[in-house]
Amino acid sequence: MKVAVIGGGSTYTPELVNGFLDRVNEFSLNELWLMDIDEHRLSIVGGFTQRMVQARGSPFKVVLTTDQRQSVAGSRYVITQLRVGQMRARRADEYLGQRHGLIGQETTGVGGMAKALRTIPVILQIASDMRELAKPGALLVNFTNPAGLVTQALDQYALDVESVGVCNVPITAKMEILKHVEFEPGERIDLKRAELDTLGLNHLSWHRGFTVV
């Protein structure tokens, strides 16, 4: 099975690769393709992840590329974790709101909208490449901000490409809540015993209930 990561030069990539390494018995990955337009970042982050995989006995192959279509071709999953315009654009987005006294950052407010206008066309092009080149039924897993607007755009304009939006707000909120929950003095509650009822994505999330079993 082949998985492609668009934005493979991201600092999130080593954590992602570590997750794959921890699940080699559950997730039969053969090739992990890391794609990024920034060849320098890709060589640094990608080289590090290749060494991570080698240190664990090379259970799968890590391929580095700047070719988006080549990375998508034959993939069963495509993960998007990119920032169009890189950090310079993020800075501009967030200062845009501050200059006018508006609340928000790269996911909400005027900054989030500016980022969405740059990002959604790029994500839809990835979906188009998947439609043409990926395995039938391939899943696009979006971790790109503004996650809510990007996921909505995929749902409305790429209906024939399976997609899901993900973020780390629910797991982070669950971990934070568990810091303050004790059934017995000093008892640590296993994360798997807790269930957080959450709606939304990223900084547009609503928590409706919390259960420990």
N, C-alpha and C. Protein backbone atom coordinates (compact mmCIF):
# COMPACT_ATOMS: atom_id res chain seq x y z
N MET A 1 0.84 -1.20 0.00
CA MET A 1 0.00 0.00 0.00
C MET A 1 0.88 1.25 0.00
N LYS A 2 0.47 2.22 -0.79
CA LYS A 2 1.21 3.47 -0.92
C LYS A 2 0.42 4.61 -0.26
N VAL A 3 1.12 5.45 0.51
CA VAL A 3 0.54 6.64 1.12
C VAL A 3 1.37 7.84 0.68
N ALA A 4 0.71 8.91 0.29
CA ALA A 4 1.39 10.14 -0.10
C ALA A 4 1.10 11.24 0.91
N VAL A 5 2.13 12.00 1.26
CA VAL A 5 1.98 13.15 2.15
C VAL A 5 2.33 14.40 1.37
N ILE A 6 1.36 15.25 1.10
CA ILE A 6 1.59 16.50 0.38
C ILE A 6 1.88 17.57 1.43
N GLY A 7 3.11 18.07 1.41
CA GLY A 7 3.61 18.91 2.48
C GLY A 7 4.54 18.10 3.37
N GLY A 8 5.27 17.19 2.74
CA GLY A 8 6.12 16.26 3.47
C GLY A 8 7.29 16.93 4.18
N GLY A 9 7.59 18.20 3.84
CA GLY A 9 8.66 18.92 4.51
C GLY A 9 8.21 19.57 5.81
N SER A 10 6.96 19.34 6.19
CA SER A 10 6.42 19.92 7.41
C SER A 10 7.08 19.32 8.65
N THR A 11 7.17 20.12 9.71
CA THR A 11 7.71 19.60 10.97
C THR A 11 6.75 18.62 11.64
N TYR A 12 5.52 18.49 11.13
CA TYR A 12 4.61 17.47 11.63
C TYR A 12 4.98 16.08 11.12
N THR A 13 5.75 16.01 10.05
CA THR A 13 6.00 14.74 9.39
C THR A 13 6.68 13.68 10.27
N PRO A 14 7.72 14.02 11.05
CA PRO A 14 8.31 12.97 11.90
C PRO A 14 7.31 12.34 12.86
N GLU A 15 6.41 13.15 13.43
CA GLU A 15 5.39 12.60 14.33
C GLU A 15 4.46 11.65 13.57
N LEU A 16 4.10 12.04 12.35
CA LEU A 16 3.25 11.20 11.51
C LEU A 16 3.94 9.88 11.20
N VAL A 17 5.20 9.95 10.82
CA VAL A 17 5.97 8.74 10.50
C VAL A 17 6.10 7.85 11.73
N ASN A 18 6.31 8.45 12.88
CA ASN A 18 6.39 7.67 14.11
C ASN A 18 5.08 6.91 14.37
N GLY A 19 3.96 7.55 14.03
CA GLY A 19 2.67 6.88 14.16
C GLY A 19 2.57 5.67 13.24
N PHE A 20 3.05 5.81 12.02
CA PHE A 20 3.05 4.68 11.09
C PHE A 20 3.94 3.55 11.62
N LEU A 21 5.10 3.92 12.15
CA LEU A 21 6.03 2.91 12.67
C LEU A 21 5.43 2.15 13.86
N ASP A 22 4.66 2.84 14.68
CA ASP A 22 4.04 2.19 15.83
C ASP A 22 2.89 1.27 15.43
N ARG A 23 2.45 1.36 14.18
CA ARG A 23 1.27 0.59 13.74
C ARG A 23 1.57 -0.30 12.54
N VAL A 24 2.80 -0.72 12.40
CA VAL A 24 3.17 -1.53 11.21
C VAL A 24 2.42 -2.85 11.17
N ASN A 25 1.99 -3.37 12.32
CA ASN A 25 1.25 -4.63 12.33
C ASN A 25 -0.23 -4.45 12.01
N GLU A 26 -0.71 -3.22 12.08
CA GLU A 26 -2.12 -2.94 11.82
C GLU A 26 -2.33 -2.28 10.46
N PHE A 27 -1.33 -1.57 9.99
CA PHE A 27 -1.46 -0.76 8.78
C PHE A 27 -0.34 -1.18 7.83
N SER A 28 -0.70 -1.97 6.83
CA SER A 28 0.30 -2.61 5.96
C SER A 28 0.85 -1.65 4.91
N LEU A 29 1.63 -0.69 5.36
CA LEU A 29 2.21 0.32 4.48
C LEU A 29 3.49 -0.21 3.84
N ASN A 30 3.59 -0.04 2.50
CA ASN A 30 4.79 -0.45 1.78
C ASN A 30 5.65 0.75 1.36
N GLU A 31 4.97 1.80 0.87
CA GLU A 31 5.69 2.99 0.40
C GLU A 31 5.05 4.25 0.97
N LEU A 32 5.88 5.11 1.55
CA LEU A 32 5.44 6.41 2.03
C LEU A 32 6.14 7.47 1.19
N TRP A 33 5.37 8.21 0.42
CA TRP A 33 5.93 9.25 -0.44
C TRP A 33 5.74 10.60 0.22
N LEU A 34 6.84 11.31 0.45
CA LEU A 34 6.80 12.65 1.02
C LEU A 34 7.05 13.65 -0.10
N MET A 35 6.04 14.48 -0.39
CA MET A 35 6.14 15.46 -1.47
C MET A 35 6.13 16.87 -0.91
N ASP A 36 6.98 17.73 -1.41
CA ASP A 36 7.00 19.13 -1.00
C ASP A 36 7.61 19.96 -2.12
N ILE A 37 7.13 21.21 -2.28
CA ILE A 37 7.71 22.09 -3.30
C ILE A 37 9.02 22.72 -2.82
N ASP A 38 9.26 22.69 -1.50
CA ASP A 38 10.48 23.22 -0.92
C ASP A 38 11.48 22.08 -0.78
N GLU A 39 12.35 21.97 -1.76
CA GLU A 39 13.27 20.83 -1.82
C GLU A 39 14.23 20.82 -0.63
N HIS A 40 14.62 22.02 -0.17
CA HIS A 40 15.57 22.09 0.95
C HIS A 40 14.93 21.55 2.23
N ARG A 41 13.73 22.01 2.55
CA ARG A 41 13.03 21.50 3.74
C ARG A 41 12.78 20.01 3.62
N LEU A 42 12.39 19.58 2.44
CA LEU A 42 12.11 18.17 2.22
C LEU A 42 13.33 17.30 2.46
N SER A 43 14.48 17.79 2.03
CA SER A 43 15.71 17.00 2.21
C SER A 43 16.06 16.86 3.69
N ILE A 44 15.80 17.91 4.47
CA ILE A 44 16.11 17.86 5.90
C ILE A 44 15.11 16.98 6.65
N VAL A 45 13.83 17.29 6.52
CA VAL A 45 12.80 16.54 7.23
C VAL A 45 12.69 15.12 6.68
N GLY A 46 12.71 15.01 5.36
CA GLY A 46 12.59 13.70 4.74
C GLY A 46 13.78 12.81 5.07
N GLY A 47 14.98 13.38 5.05
CA GLY A 47 16.16 12.61 5.41
C GLY A 47 16.09 12.09 6.83
N PHE A 48 15.58 12.94 7.73
CA PHE A 48 15.43 12.54 9.13
C PHE A 48 14.44 11.38 9.26
N THR A 49 13.30 11.48 8.56
CA THR A 49 12.31 10.41 8.65
C THR A 49 12.83 9.11 8.03
N GLN A 50 13.62 9.22 6.97
CA GLN A 50 14.22 8.01 6.40
C GLN A 50 15.11 7.31 7.41
N ARG A 51 15.86 8.09 8.18
CA ARG A 51 16.71 7.49 9.21
C ARG A 51 15.87 6.89 10.34
N MET A 52 14.74 7.55 10.66
CA MET A 52 13.83 6.99 11.66
C MET A 52 13.36 5.60 11.23
N VAL A 53 12.95 5.48 9.98
CA VAL A 53 12.43 4.21 9.47
C VAL A 53 13.54 3.16 9.42
N GLN A 54 14.72 3.56 9.00
CA GLN A 54 15.85 2.63 8.95
C GLN A 54 16.19 2.11 10.34
N ALA A 55 16.10 2.97 11.34
CA ALA A 55 16.42 2.58 12.72
C ALA A 55 15.42 1.55 13.26
N ARG A 56 14.24 1.47 12.63
CA ARG A 56 13.22 0.50 13.08
C ARG A 56 13.16 -0.70 12.14
N GLY A 57 14.24 -0.92 11.37
CA GLY A 57 14.30 -2.10 10.51
C GLY A 57 13.70 -1.94 9.14
N SER A 58 13.43 -0.72 8.72
CA SER A 58 12.89 -0.41 7.38
C SER A 58 11.64 -1.22 7.04
N PRO A 59 10.57 -1.10 7.83
CA PRO A 59 9.34 -1.84 7.52
C PRO A 59 8.62 -1.31 6.28
N PHE A 60 8.95 -0.08 5.87
CA PHE A 60 8.41 0.47 4.63
C PHE A 60 9.44 1.43 4.04
N LYS A 61 9.24 1.77 2.78
CA LYS A 61 10.16 2.64 2.04
C LYS A 61 9.67 4.08 2.09
N VAL A 62 10.58 5.03 2.31
CA VAL A 62 10.24 6.46 2.29
C VAL A 62 10.86 7.08 1.04
N VAL A 63 10.01 7.66 0.20
CA VAL A 63 10.44 8.26 -1.06
C VAL A 63 10.23 9.77 -0.98
N LEU A 64 11.23 10.55 -1.37
CA LEU A 64 11.13 12.00 -1.36
C LEU A 64 10.96 12.50 -2.80
N THR A 65 10.04 13.44 -3.00
CA THR A 65 9.80 13.96 -4.34
C THR A 65 9.24 15.37 -4.29
N THR A 66 9.43 16.12 -5.37
CA THR A 66 8.80 17.42 -5.54
C THR A 66 7.68 17.35 -6.57
N ASP A 67 7.37 16.15 -7.04
CA ASP A 67 6.37 15.93 -8.09
C ASP A 67 5.06 15.46 -7.45
N GLN A 68 4.08 16.35 -7.42
CA GLN A 68 2.80 16.02 -6.78
C GLN A 68 2.08 14.88 -7.46
N ARG A 69 2.00 14.91 -8.78
CA ARG A 69 1.27 13.88 -9.51
C ARG A 69 1.92 12.51 -9.35
N GLN A 70 3.23 12.50 -9.34
CA GLN A 70 3.94 11.23 -9.16
C GLN A 70 3.69 10.65 -7.76
N SER A 71 3.61 11.53 -6.79
CA SER A 71 3.37 11.05 -5.42
C SER A 71 1.95 10.52 -5.26
N VAL A 72 1.00 11.17 -5.90
CA VAL A 72 -0.41 10.76 -5.79
C VAL A 72 -0.68 9.47 -6.56
N ALA A 73 0.01 9.24 -7.65
CA ALA A 73 -0.25 8.09 -8.53
C ALA A 73 -0.17 6.78 -7.76
N GLY A 74 -1.26 6.02 -7.78
CA GLY A 74 -1.29 4.72 -7.15
C GLY A 74 -1.46 4.74 -5.64
N SER A 75 -1.68 5.92 -5.05
CA SER A 75 -1.80 6.01 -3.60
C SER A 75 -3.18 5.55 -3.13
N ARG A 76 -3.19 4.92 -1.97
CA ARG A 76 -4.46 4.53 -1.33
C ARG A 76 -4.94 5.63 -0.39
N TYR A 77 -3.99 6.37 0.18
CA TYR A 77 -4.30 7.51 1.05
C TYR A 77 -3.41 8.67 0.64
N VAL A 78 -3.97 9.87 0.66
CA VAL A 78 -3.22 11.10 0.42
C VAL A 78 -3.48 12.02 1.61
N ILE A 79 -2.41 12.40 2.30
CA ILE A 79 -2.50 13.27 3.47
C ILE A 79 -2.03 14.66 3.09
N THR A 80 -2.84 15.67 3.35
CA THR A 80 -2.45 17.04 3.02
C THR A 80 -2.16 17.81 4.30
N GLN A 81 -0.95 18.34 4.41
CA GLN A 81 -0.53 19.13 5.57
C GLN A 81 0.38 20.25 5.08
N LEU A 82 -0.20 21.15 4.30
CA LEU A 82 0.59 22.16 3.61
C LEU A 82 0.20 23.57 4.04
N ARG A 83 1.07 24.51 3.76
CA ARG A 83 0.79 25.92 4.02
C ARG A 83 1.18 26.71 2.77
N VAL A 84 0.19 27.10 1.98
CA VAL A 84 0.44 27.85 0.75
C VAL A 84 1.02 29.22 1.12
N GLY A 85 2.19 29.54 0.59
CA GLY A 85 2.84 30.80 0.91
C GLY A 85 3.79 30.72 2.09
N GLN A 86 3.82 29.55 2.73
CA GLN A 86 4.71 29.26 3.86
C GLN A 86 4.52 30.26 5.02
N MET A 87 5.49 30.37 5.89
CA MET A 87 5.32 31.15 7.12
C MET A 87 5.17 32.65 6.86
N ARG A 88 5.74 33.14 5.78
CA ARG A 88 5.58 34.56 5.44
C ARG A 88 4.11 34.90 5.23
N ALA A 89 3.39 34.00 4.56
CA ALA A 89 1.95 34.23 4.32
C ALA A 89 1.17 34.14 5.63
N ARG A 90 1.56 33.21 6.49
CA ARG A 90 0.86 33.10 7.78
C ARG A 90 1.02 34.39 8.58
N ARG A 91 2.22 34.92 8.59
CA ARG A 91 2.47 36.16 9.33
C ARG A 91 1.59 37.30 8.78
N ALA A 92 1.52 37.38 7.46
CA ALA A 92 0.70 38.42 6.84
C ALA A 92 -0.78 38.25 7.20
N ASP A 93 -1.25 37.02 7.19
CA ASP A 93 -2.66 36.76 7.52
C ASP A 93 -2.98 37.21 8.95
N GLU A 94 -2.12 36.84 9.88
CA GLU A 94 -2.42 37.12 11.27
C GLU A 94 -2.25 38.60 11.62
N TYR A 95 -1.30 39.27 11.00
CA TYR A 95 -1.12 40.70 11.24
C TYR A 95 -2.21 41.51 10.56
N LEU A 96 -2.80 40.96 9.50
CA LEU A 96 -3.90 41.65 8.82
C LEU A 96 -5.05 41.89 9.79
N GLY A 97 -5.42 40.86 10.55
CA GLY A 97 -6.48 41.02 11.53
C GLY A 97 -6.09 41.96 12.66
N GLN A 98 -4.86 41.82 13.13
CA GLN A 98 -4.41 42.67 14.24
C GLN A 98 -4.43 44.15 13.88
N ARG A 99 -4.06 44.45 12.66
CA ARG A 99 -4.02 45.86 12.23
C ARG A 99 -5.39 46.53 12.32
N HIS A 100 -6.43 45.73 12.19
CA HIS A 100 -7.79 46.27 12.19
C HIS A 100 -8.56 45.90 13.47
N GLY A 101 -7.84 45.39 14.47
CA GLY A 101 -8.48 45.06 15.73
C GLY A 101 -9.46 43.91 15.65
N LEU A 102 -9.20 42.96 14.72
CA LEU A 102 -10.11 41.83 14.51
C LEU A 102 -9.55 40.56 15.13
N ILE A 103 -10.43 39.77 15.71
CA ILE A 103 -10.04 38.49 16.30
C ILE A 103 -9.81 37.47 15.20
N GLY A 104 -8.81 36.61 15.42
CA GLY A 104 -8.59 35.52 14.47
C GLY A 104 -7.13 35.25 14.23
N GLN A 105 -6.87 34.15 13.57
CA GLN A 105 -5.50 33.79 13.15
C GLN A 105 -5.61 33.05 11.82
N GLU A 106 -4.85 31.94 11.65
CA GLU A 106 -4.86 31.30 10.33
C GLU A 106 -6.03 30.36 10.11
N THR A 107 -6.91 30.23 11.08
CA THR A 107 -8.07 29.36 10.90
C THR A 107 -9.40 30.09 10.96
N THR A 108 -9.43 31.25 11.60
CA THR A 108 -10.68 31.99 11.74
C THR A 108 -10.45 33.46 11.43
N GLY A 109 -11.56 34.19 11.27
CA GLY A 109 -11.44 35.63 11.00
C GLY A 109 -10.90 35.93 9.62
N VAL A 110 -10.46 37.16 9.43
CA VAL A 110 -10.00 37.59 8.11
C VAL A 110 -8.73 36.83 7.70
N GLY A 111 -7.87 36.49 8.67
CA GLY A 111 -6.68 35.72 8.36
C GLY A 111 -7.01 34.33 7.87
N GLY A 112 -7.98 33.70 8.53
CA GLY A 112 -8.39 32.37 8.10
C GLY A 112 -9.02 32.40 6.72
N MET A 113 -9.79 33.47 6.42
CA MET A 113 -10.40 33.57 5.10
C MET A 113 -9.34 33.79 4.02
N ALA A 114 -8.34 34.63 4.32
CA ALA A 114 -7.26 34.85 3.36
C ALA A 114 -6.52 33.55 3.08
N LYS A 115 -6.27 32.78 4.11
CA LYS A 115 -5.58 31.50 3.93
C LYS A 115 -6.44 30.53 3.14
N ALA A 116 -7.74 30.55 3.41
CA ALA A 116 -8.65 29.67 2.67
C ALA A 116 -8.63 29.99 1.18
N LEU A 117 -8.63 31.28 0.84
CA LEU A 117 -8.65 31.69 -0.57
C LEU A 117 -7.40 31.22 -1.31
N ARG A 118 -6.26 31.17 -0.60
CA ARG A 118 -5.03 30.66 -1.22
C ARG A 118 -5.00 29.13 -1.25
N THR A 119 -5.56 28.52 -0.22
CA THR A 119 -5.35 27.09 0.00
C THR A 119 -6.34 26.20 -0.72
N ILE A 120 -7.61 26.58 -0.73
CA ILE A 120 -8.64 25.71 -1.30
C ILE A 120 -8.37 25.33 -2.76
N PRO A 121 -7.96 26.27 -3.63
CA PRO A 121 -7.66 25.85 -5.02
C PRO A 121 -6.56 24.79 -5.09
N VAL A 122 -5.57 24.90 -4.21
CA VAL A 122 -4.47 23.92 -4.21
C VAL A 122 -4.98 22.55 -3.77
N ILE A 123 -5.80 22.52 -2.72
CA ILE A 123 -6.35 21.25 -2.23
C ILE A 123 -7.27 20.63 -3.28
N LEU A 124 -8.08 21.44 -3.94
CA LEU A 124 -8.97 20.91 -4.98
C LEU A 124 -8.18 20.35 -6.16
N GLN A 125 -7.01 20.93 -6.44
CA GLN A 125 -6.17 20.38 -7.50
C GLN A 125 -5.60 19.02 -7.09
N ILE A 126 -5.26 18.88 -5.82
CA ILE A 126 -4.80 17.58 -5.32
C ILE A 126 -5.92 16.55 -5.48
N ALA A 127 -7.15 16.95 -5.14
CA ALA A 127 -8.30 16.05 -5.31
C ALA A 127 -8.47 15.67 -6.79
N SER A 128 -8.24 16.64 -7.67
CA SER A 128 -8.34 16.36 -9.11
C SER A 128 -7.28 15.36 -9.55
N ASP A 129 -6.06 15.51 -9.03
CA ASP A 129 -5.00 14.55 -9.35
C ASP A 129 -5.34 13.16 -8.81
N MET A 130 -5.95 13.11 -7.63
CA MET A 130 -6.37 11.83 -7.07
C MET A 130 -7.42 11.17 -7.94
N ARG A 131 -8.36 11.95 -8.40
CA ARG A 131 -9.43 11.44 -9.26
C ARG A 131 -8.84 10.74 -10.48
N GLU A 132 -7.76 11.31 -10.99
CA GLU A 132 -7.14 10.80 -12.21
C GLU A 132 -6.14 9.69 -11.95
N LEU A 133 -5.37 9.78 -10.86
CA LEU A 133 -4.18 8.94 -10.71
C LEU A 133 -4.17 7.98 -9.53
N ALA A 134 -4.92 8.29 -8.48
CA ALA A 134 -4.85 7.47 -7.26
C ALA A 134 -5.64 6.17 -7.43
N LYS A 135 -5.48 5.29 -6.46
CA LYS A 135 -6.24 4.05 -6.45
C LYS A 135 -7.74 4.36 -6.36
N PRO A 136 -8.59 3.58 -7.00
CA PRO A 136 -10.03 3.79 -6.87
C PRO A 136 -10.44 3.75 -5.39
N GLY A 137 -11.23 4.73 -4.98
CA GLY A 137 -11.67 4.80 -3.60
C GLY A 137 -10.64 5.35 -2.64
N ALA A 138 -9.56 5.93 -3.16
CA ALA A 138 -8.52 6.51 -2.31
C ALA A 138 -9.10 7.61 -1.43
N LEU A 139 -8.55 7.73 -0.23
CA LEU A 139 -9.05 8.69 0.75
C LEU A 139 -8.09 9.86 0.90
N LEU A 140 -8.61 11.09 0.82
CA LEU A 140 -7.83 12.29 1.10
C LEU A 140 -8.05 12.65 2.57
N VAL A 141 -6.97 12.70 3.33
CA VAL A 141 -7.03 13.04 4.76
C VAL A 141 -6.42 14.43 4.92
N ASN A 142 -7.27 15.41 5.20
CA ASN A 142 -6.79 16.80 5.26
C ASN A 142 -6.45 17.23 6.68
N PHE A 143 -5.21 17.73 6.85
CA PHE A 143 -4.76 18.29 8.11
C PHE A 143 -4.35 19.75 7.91
N THR A 144 -4.72 20.30 6.75
CA THR A 144 -4.34 21.66 6.37
C THR A 144 -5.36 22.67 6.88
N ASN A 145 -4.86 23.76 7.44
CA ASN A 145 -5.73 24.85 7.89
C ASN A 145 -6.08 25.79 6.74
N PRO A 146 -7.20 26.51 6.81
CA PRO A 146 -8.25 26.39 7.83
C PRO A 146 -9.05 25.11 7.60
N ALA A 147 -8.90 24.16 8.53
CA ALA A 147 -9.40 22.80 8.33
C ALA A 147 -10.89 22.76 8.03
N GLY A 148 -11.68 23.58 8.71
CA GLY A 148 -13.12 23.56 8.49
C GLY A 148 -13.50 23.97 7.08
N LEU A 149 -12.95 25.08 6.61
CA LEU A 149 -13.28 25.58 5.28
C LEU A 149 -12.74 24.67 4.19
N VAL A 150 -11.55 24.12 4.39
CA VAL A 150 -10.97 23.20 3.40
C VAL A 150 -11.82 21.94 3.29
N THR A 151 -12.21 21.39 4.43
CA THR A 151 -13.03 20.18 4.43
C THR A 151 -14.40 20.45 3.79
N GLN A 152 -14.97 21.61 4.08
CA GLN A 152 -16.25 21.98 3.47
C GLN A 152 -16.11 22.10 1.95
N ALA A 153 -15.01 22.69 1.49
CA ALA A 153 -14.79 22.83 0.05
C ALA A 153 -14.67 21.47 -0.62
N LEU A 154 -13.96 20.54 0.01
CA LEU A 154 -13.85 19.19 -0.55
C LEU A 154 -15.21 18.52 -0.61
N ASP A 155 -16.00 18.71 0.44
CA ASP A 155 -17.32 18.09 0.50
C ASP A 155 -18.26 18.65 -0.57
N GLN A 156 -18.08 19.92 -0.92
CA GLN A 156 -18.98 20.55 -1.89
C GLN A 156 -18.49 20.42 -3.33
N TYR A 157 -17.17 20.46 -3.55
CA TYR A 157 -16.65 20.57 -4.90
C TYR A 157 -15.79 19.39 -5.36
N ALA A 158 -15.61 18.40 -4.49
CA ALA A 158 -14.89 17.19 -4.90
C ALA A 158 -15.65 15.98 -4.36
N LEU A 159 -16.92 15.92 -4.70
CA LEU A 159 -17.81 14.90 -4.15
C LEU A 159 -17.39 13.49 -4.54
N ASP A 160 -16.72 13.34 -5.69
CA ASP A 160 -16.34 12.00 -6.14
C ASP A 160 -15.00 11.55 -5.58
N VAL A 161 -14.40 12.36 -4.71
CA VAL A 161 -13.16 11.97 -4.03
C VAL A 161 -13.46 11.84 -2.54
N GLU A 162 -13.23 10.67 -1.99
CA GLU A 162 -13.47 10.47 -0.56
C GLU A 162 -12.50 11.33 0.25
N SER A 163 -13.01 12.05 1.24
CA SER A 163 -12.14 12.91 2.03
C SER A 163 -12.64 13.01 3.45
N VAL A 164 -11.72 13.32 4.35
CA VAL A 164 -12.06 13.54 5.75
C VAL A 164 -11.13 14.62 6.30
N GLY A 165 -11.67 15.50 7.14
CA GLY A 165 -10.86 16.52 7.78
C GLY A 165 -10.50 16.08 9.19
N VAL A 166 -9.26 16.27 9.58
CA VAL A 166 -8.82 15.87 10.92
C VAL A 166 -8.11 17.03 11.60
N CYS A 167 -8.10 17.01 12.93
CA CYS A 167 -7.33 17.98 13.70
C CYS A 167 -7.05 17.37 15.07
N ASN A 168 -6.17 18.00 15.83
CA ASN A 168 -5.79 17.43 17.12
C ASN A 168 -6.49 18.09 18.31
N VAL A 169 -7.49 18.95 18.05
CA VAL A 169 -8.21 19.60 19.14
C VAL A 169 -8.91 18.59 20.06
N PRO A 170 -9.67 17.59 19.54
CA PRO A 170 -10.37 16.67 20.43
C PRO A 170 -9.43 15.89 21.36
N ILE A 171 -8.35 15.34 20.81
CA ILE A 171 -7.45 14.55 21.65
C ILE A 171 -6.75 15.44 22.66
N THR A 172 -6.40 16.67 22.27
CA THR A 172 -5.76 17.59 23.21
C THR A 172 -6.73 17.98 24.32
N ALA A 173 -8.00 18.26 23.94
CA ALA A 173 -9.01 18.61 24.94
C ALA A 173 -9.25 17.45 25.89
N LYS A 174 -9.32 16.23 25.36
CA LYS A 174 -9.53 15.05 26.19
C LYS A 174 -8.40 14.88 27.21
N MET A 175 -7.16 15.06 26.75
CA MET A 175 -6.01 14.93 27.65
C MET A 175 -6.03 16.00 28.73
N GLU A 176 -6.45 17.22 28.37
CA GLU A 176 -6.49 18.31 29.33
C GLU A 176 -7.58 18.07 30.38
N ILE A 177 -8.74 17.59 29.94
CA ILE A 177 -9.82 17.31 30.88
C ILE A 177 -9.41 16.21 31.86
N LEU A 178 -8.73 15.17 31.36
CA LEU A 178 -8.34 14.06 32.22
C LEU A 178 -7.34 14.45 33.29
N LYS A 179 -6.63 15.56 33.09
CA LYS A 179 -5.72 16.04 34.12
C LYS A 179 -6.48 16.43 35.40
N HIS A 180 -7.77 16.73 35.24
CA HIS A 180 -8.56 17.23 36.36
C HIS A 180 -9.62 16.24 36.83
N VAL A 181 -9.55 14.99 36.33
CA VAL A 181 -10.53 13.97 36.70
C VAL A 181 -9.84 12.88 37.52
N GLU A 182 -10.36 12.62 38.71
CA GLU A 182 -9.85 11.55 39.57
C GLU A 182 -11.01 10.80 40.21
N PHE A 183 -11.01 9.47 40.11
CA PHE A 183 -11.98 8.67 40.85
C PHE A 183 -11.42 8.30 42.22
N GLU A 184 -10.11 8.11 42.24
CA GLU A 184 -9.39 7.84 43.48
C GLU A 184 -8.22 8.81 43.54
N PRO A 185 -7.80 9.24 44.72
CA PRO A 185 -6.67 10.18 44.82
C PRO A 185 -5.43 9.66 44.10
N GLY A 186 -4.92 10.47 43.20
CA GLY A 186 -3.71 10.11 42.47
C GLY A 186 -3.92 9.15 41.31
N GLU A 187 -5.17 8.73 41.07
CA GLU A 187 -5.43 7.77 39.99
C GLU A 187 -5.30 8.45 38.62
N ARG A 188 -4.59 7.80 37.71
CA ARG A 188 -4.47 8.28 36.34
C ARG A 188 -5.42 7.47 35.47
N ILE A 189 -6.32 8.14 34.78
CA ILE A 189 -7.31 7.47 33.96
C ILE A 189 -6.78 7.29 32.54
N ASP A 190 -6.86 6.06 32.05
CA ASP A 190 -6.37 5.74 30.71
C ASP A 190 -7.19 6.51 29.67
N LEU A 191 -6.48 7.07 28.69
CA LEU A 191 -7.11 7.87 27.64
C LEU A 191 -8.19 7.09 26.91
N LYS A 192 -8.00 5.78 26.75
CA LYS A 192 -8.94 4.95 26.01
C LYS A 192 -10.28 4.81 26.74
N ARG A 193 -10.30 5.08 28.03
CA ARG A 193 -11.54 4.98 28.80
C ARG A 193 -12.43 6.21 28.65
N ALA A 194 -11.88 7.26 28.09
CA ALA A 194 -12.61 8.53 27.99
C ALA A 194 -13.15 8.75 26.58
N GLU A 195 -14.33 9.31 26.53
CA GLU A 195 -14.95 9.64 25.23
C GLU A 195 -15.44 11.08 25.27
N LEU A 196 -14.97 11.87 24.30
CA LEU A 196 -15.37 13.27 24.20
C LEU A 196 -16.29 13.44 23.01
N ASP A 197 -17.48 13.95 23.24
CA ASP A 197 -18.46 14.18 22.18
C ASP A 197 -18.20 15.57 21.58
N THR A 198 -17.66 15.59 20.37
CA THR A 198 -17.18 16.84 19.77
C THR A 198 -17.79 17.06 18.40
N LEU A 199 -18.10 18.30 18.11
CA LEU A 199 -18.55 18.72 16.78
C LEU A 199 -17.56 19.75 16.24
N GLY A 200 -17.39 19.77 14.92
CA GLY A 200 -16.56 20.80 14.31
C GLY A 200 -15.13 20.35 14.10
N LEU A 201 -14.31 21.30 13.63
CA LEU A 201 -12.91 21.03 13.35
C LEU A 201 -12.05 22.18 13.85
N ASN A 202 -10.89 21.83 14.35
CA ASN A 202 -9.86 22.79 14.69
C ASN A 202 -10.38 23.86 15.65
N HIS A 203 -10.22 25.14 15.32
CA HIS A 203 -10.63 26.19 16.24
C HIS A 203 -12.11 26.53 16.14
N LEU A 204 -12.84 25.71 15.44
CA LEU A 204 -14.30 25.85 15.38
C LEU A 204 -14.90 24.54 15.88
N SER A 205 -14.60 24.21 17.13
CA SER A 205 -15.06 22.96 17.74
C SER A 205 -15.96 23.24 18.93
N TRP A 206 -16.93 22.35 19.12
CA TRP A 206 -17.84 22.44 20.26
C TRP A 206 -17.85 21.09 20.96
N HIS A 207 -17.64 21.09 22.28
CA HIS A 207 -17.64 19.87 23.07
C HIS A 207 -18.98 19.74 23.79
N ARG A 208 -19.70 18.64 23.53
CA ARG A 208 -21.07 18.49 24.04
C ARG A 208 -21.17 17.54 25.23
N GLY A 209 -20.14 16.75 25.46
CA GLY A 209 -20.22 15.83 26.58
C GLY A 209 -18.90 15.08 26.76
N PHE A 210 -18.69 14.57 27.98
CA PHE A 210 -17.45 13.85 28.29
C PHE A 210 -17.81 12.67 29.18
N THR A 211 -17.39 11.46 28.78
CA THR A 211 -17.74 10.24 29.49
C THR A 211 -16.50 9.42 29.79
N VAL A 212 -16.43 8.87 30.99
CA VAL A 212 -15.36 7.93 31.37
C VAL A 212 -16.01 6.60 31.71
N VAL A 213 -15.56 5.53 31.07
CA VAL A 213 -16.14 4.20 31.32
C VAL A 213 -15.15 3.31 32.05
